[in-house]
Amino acid sequence: MLVVSHGITLQMIITAALEVPLSGLRSFRVAVGSVSILHVEDHWSSLVRLNDTSHFGVR
């Protein structure tokens, strides 16, 4: 599934999937145009990539 959304919405999805308390919601950011990959199975989730901007080609 592909989800394209605003940063705070993606932060909430990632936080909920990883069972991080809501107090941890602002402990990371999601940059504009970045790629984050969340792998979700039946009873577990893992964050594969967070806030990847390497496709911009700028370092």
C-alpha atoms as a PDB file:
ATOM      1  CA  MET A   1       0.000   0.000   0.000  1.00  0.00           C
ATOM      2  CA  LEU A   2       1.230   3.493  -0.812  1.00  0.00           C
ATOM      3  CA  VAL A   3       0.269   6.399   1.418  1.00  0.00           C
ATOM      4  CA  VAL A   4       0.990   9.985   0.409  1.00  0.00           C
ATOM      5  CA  SER A   5       0.178  12.525   3.090  1.00  0.00           C
ATOM      6  CA  HIS A   6       1.284  15.452   5.223  1.00  0.00           C
ATOM      7  CA  GLY A   7       4.077  15.023   7.763  1.00  0.00           C
ATOM      8  CA  ILE A   8       1.980  15.011  10.946  1.00  0.00           C
ATOM      9  CA  THR A   9      -0.362  12.369   9.532  1.00  0.00           C
ATOM     10  CA  LEU A  10       2.580  10.159   8.596  1.00  0.00           C
ATOM     11  CA  GLN A  11       4.103  10.731  12.032  1.00  0.00           C
ATOM     12  CA  MET A  12       0.849   9.555  13.633  1.00  0.00           C
ATOM     13  CA  ILE A  13       0.676   6.434  11.419  1.00  0.00           C
ATOM     14  CA  ILE A  14       4.303   5.496  12.146  1.00  0.00           C
ATOM     15  CA  THR A  15       3.938   6.199  15.880  1.00  0.00           C
ATOM     16  CA  ALA A  16       0.770   4.072  16.121  1.00  0.00           C
ATOM     17  CA  ALA A  17       2.214   1.194  14.080  1.00  0.00           C
ATOM     18  CA  LEU A  18       5.342   1.056  16.246  1.00  0.00           C
ATOM     19  CA  GLU A  19       3.282   1.401  19.432  1.00  0.00           C
ATOM     20  CA  VAL A  20       5.203   4.494  20.495  1.00  0.00           C
ATOM     21  CA  PRO A  21       3.373   6.631  23.084  1.00  0.00           C
ATOM     22  CA  LEU A  22       1.833   9.827  21.713  1.00  0.00           C
ATOM     23  CA  SER A  23       4.423  11.772  23.700  1.00  0.00           C
ATOM     24  CA  GLY A  24       6.963  10.465  21.160  1.00  0.00           C
ATOM     25  CA  LEU A  25       5.042  11.872  18.214  1.00  0.00           C
ATOM     26  CA  ARG A  26       7.324  14.874  17.802  1.00  0.00           C
ATOM     27  CA  SER A  27      10.557  12.950  18.441  1.00  0.00           C
ATOM     28  CA  PHE A  28      11.090  12.630  14.683  1.00  0.00           C
ATOM     29  CA  ARG A  29      10.088  14.616  11.642  1.00  0.00           C
ATOM     30  CA  VAL A  30       9.005  13.753   8.126  1.00  0.00           C
ATOM     31  CA  ALA A  31      10.494  16.115   5.522  1.00  0.00           C
ATOM     32  CA  VAL A  32       8.561  17.350   2.512  1.00  0.00           C
ATOM     33  CA  GLY A  33       8.936  14.872  -0.351  1.00  0.00           C
ATOM     34  CA  SER A  34      10.773  12.324   1.777  1.00  0.00           C
ATOM     35  CA  VAL A  35      10.223   8.573   1.624  1.00  0.00           C
ATOM     36  CA  SER A  36       9.461   6.475   4.689  1.00  0.00           C
ATOM     37  CA  ILE A  37       8.833   2.733   4.500  1.00  0.00           C
ATOM     38  CA  LEU A  38       6.868   0.946   7.187  1.00  0.00           C
ATOM     39  CA  HIS A  39       6.655  -2.850   6.902  1.00  0.00           C
ATOM     40  CA  VAL A  40       3.497  -4.184   8.548  1.00  0.00           C
ATOM     41  CA  GLU A  41       2.787  -7.875   9.123  1.00  0.00           C
ATOM     42  CA  ASP A  42      -0.024  -9.537  11.090  1.00  0.00           C
ATOM     43  CA  HIS A  43       1.159  -8.679  14.610  1.00  0.00           C
ATOM     44  CA  TRP A  44       4.263  -6.554  14.130  1.00  0.00           C
ATOM     45  CA  SER A  45       5.609  -3.520  12.310  1.00  0.00           C
ATOM     46  CA  SER A  46       9.119  -2.374  11.496  1.00  0.00           C
ATOM     47  CA  LEU A  47      10.363   0.945  10.204  1.00  0.00           C
ATOM     48  CA  VAL A  48      12.557   0.172   7.187  1.00  0.00           C
ATOM     49  CA  ARG A  49      13.271   3.737   6.090  1.00  0.00           C
ATOM     50  CA  LEU A  50      12.486   7.100   7.659  1.00  0.00           C
ATOM     51  CA  ASN A  51      12.677  10.514   6.059  1.00  0.00           C
ATOM     52  CA  ASP A  52      14.863   9.418   3.117  1.00  0.00           C
ATOM     53  CA  THR A  53      15.595  12.330   0.783  1.00  0.00           C
ATOM     54  CA  SER A  54      18.371  10.694  -1.250  1.00  0.00           C
ATOM     55  CA  HIS A  55      16.201  10.814  -4.387  1.00  0.00           C
ATOM     56  CA  PHE A  56      16.610  14.604  -4.423  1.00  0.00           C
ATOM     57  CA  GLY A  57      20.231  14.122  -5.461  1.00  0.00           C
ATOM     58  CA  VAL A  58      21.445  16.852  -3.092  1.00  0.00           C
ATOM     59  CA  ARG A  59      23.803  16.108  -0.234  1.00  0.00           C
END
